[in-house]
Amino acid sequence: MHQTNITPINLILYHNGRELSNEETVGSIGILSGDQVVGKEMEVIEVPDEPVAVERGFGGTALHGRLGMSPESFVDSQL
């Protein structure tokens, strides 16, 4: 971590080309002399600090319903 500034939580390890799971250990995978272990940095997705405004999908369309009408009255009005 000190040489690359990659935190362990953002690191994916590969042993001889196979991605290792979080549960695997050096002993469980049986690393031998000459085996290759490679670490690659995961892509980090930035999360905004401020809350994101909630938008109503399909608002004002027939897919959302009519304003001021309950779902039951909308169904009845179509008959």
Foldseek 3Di string as FASTA:
>chain_A
DVVPPADPVQKWKDKQRHTDDPPDDCVRVPDDPPIDIDIDGHDDDDDDPDDDDDDDPPPPHVVVPDPPDDPVVRVVVVD
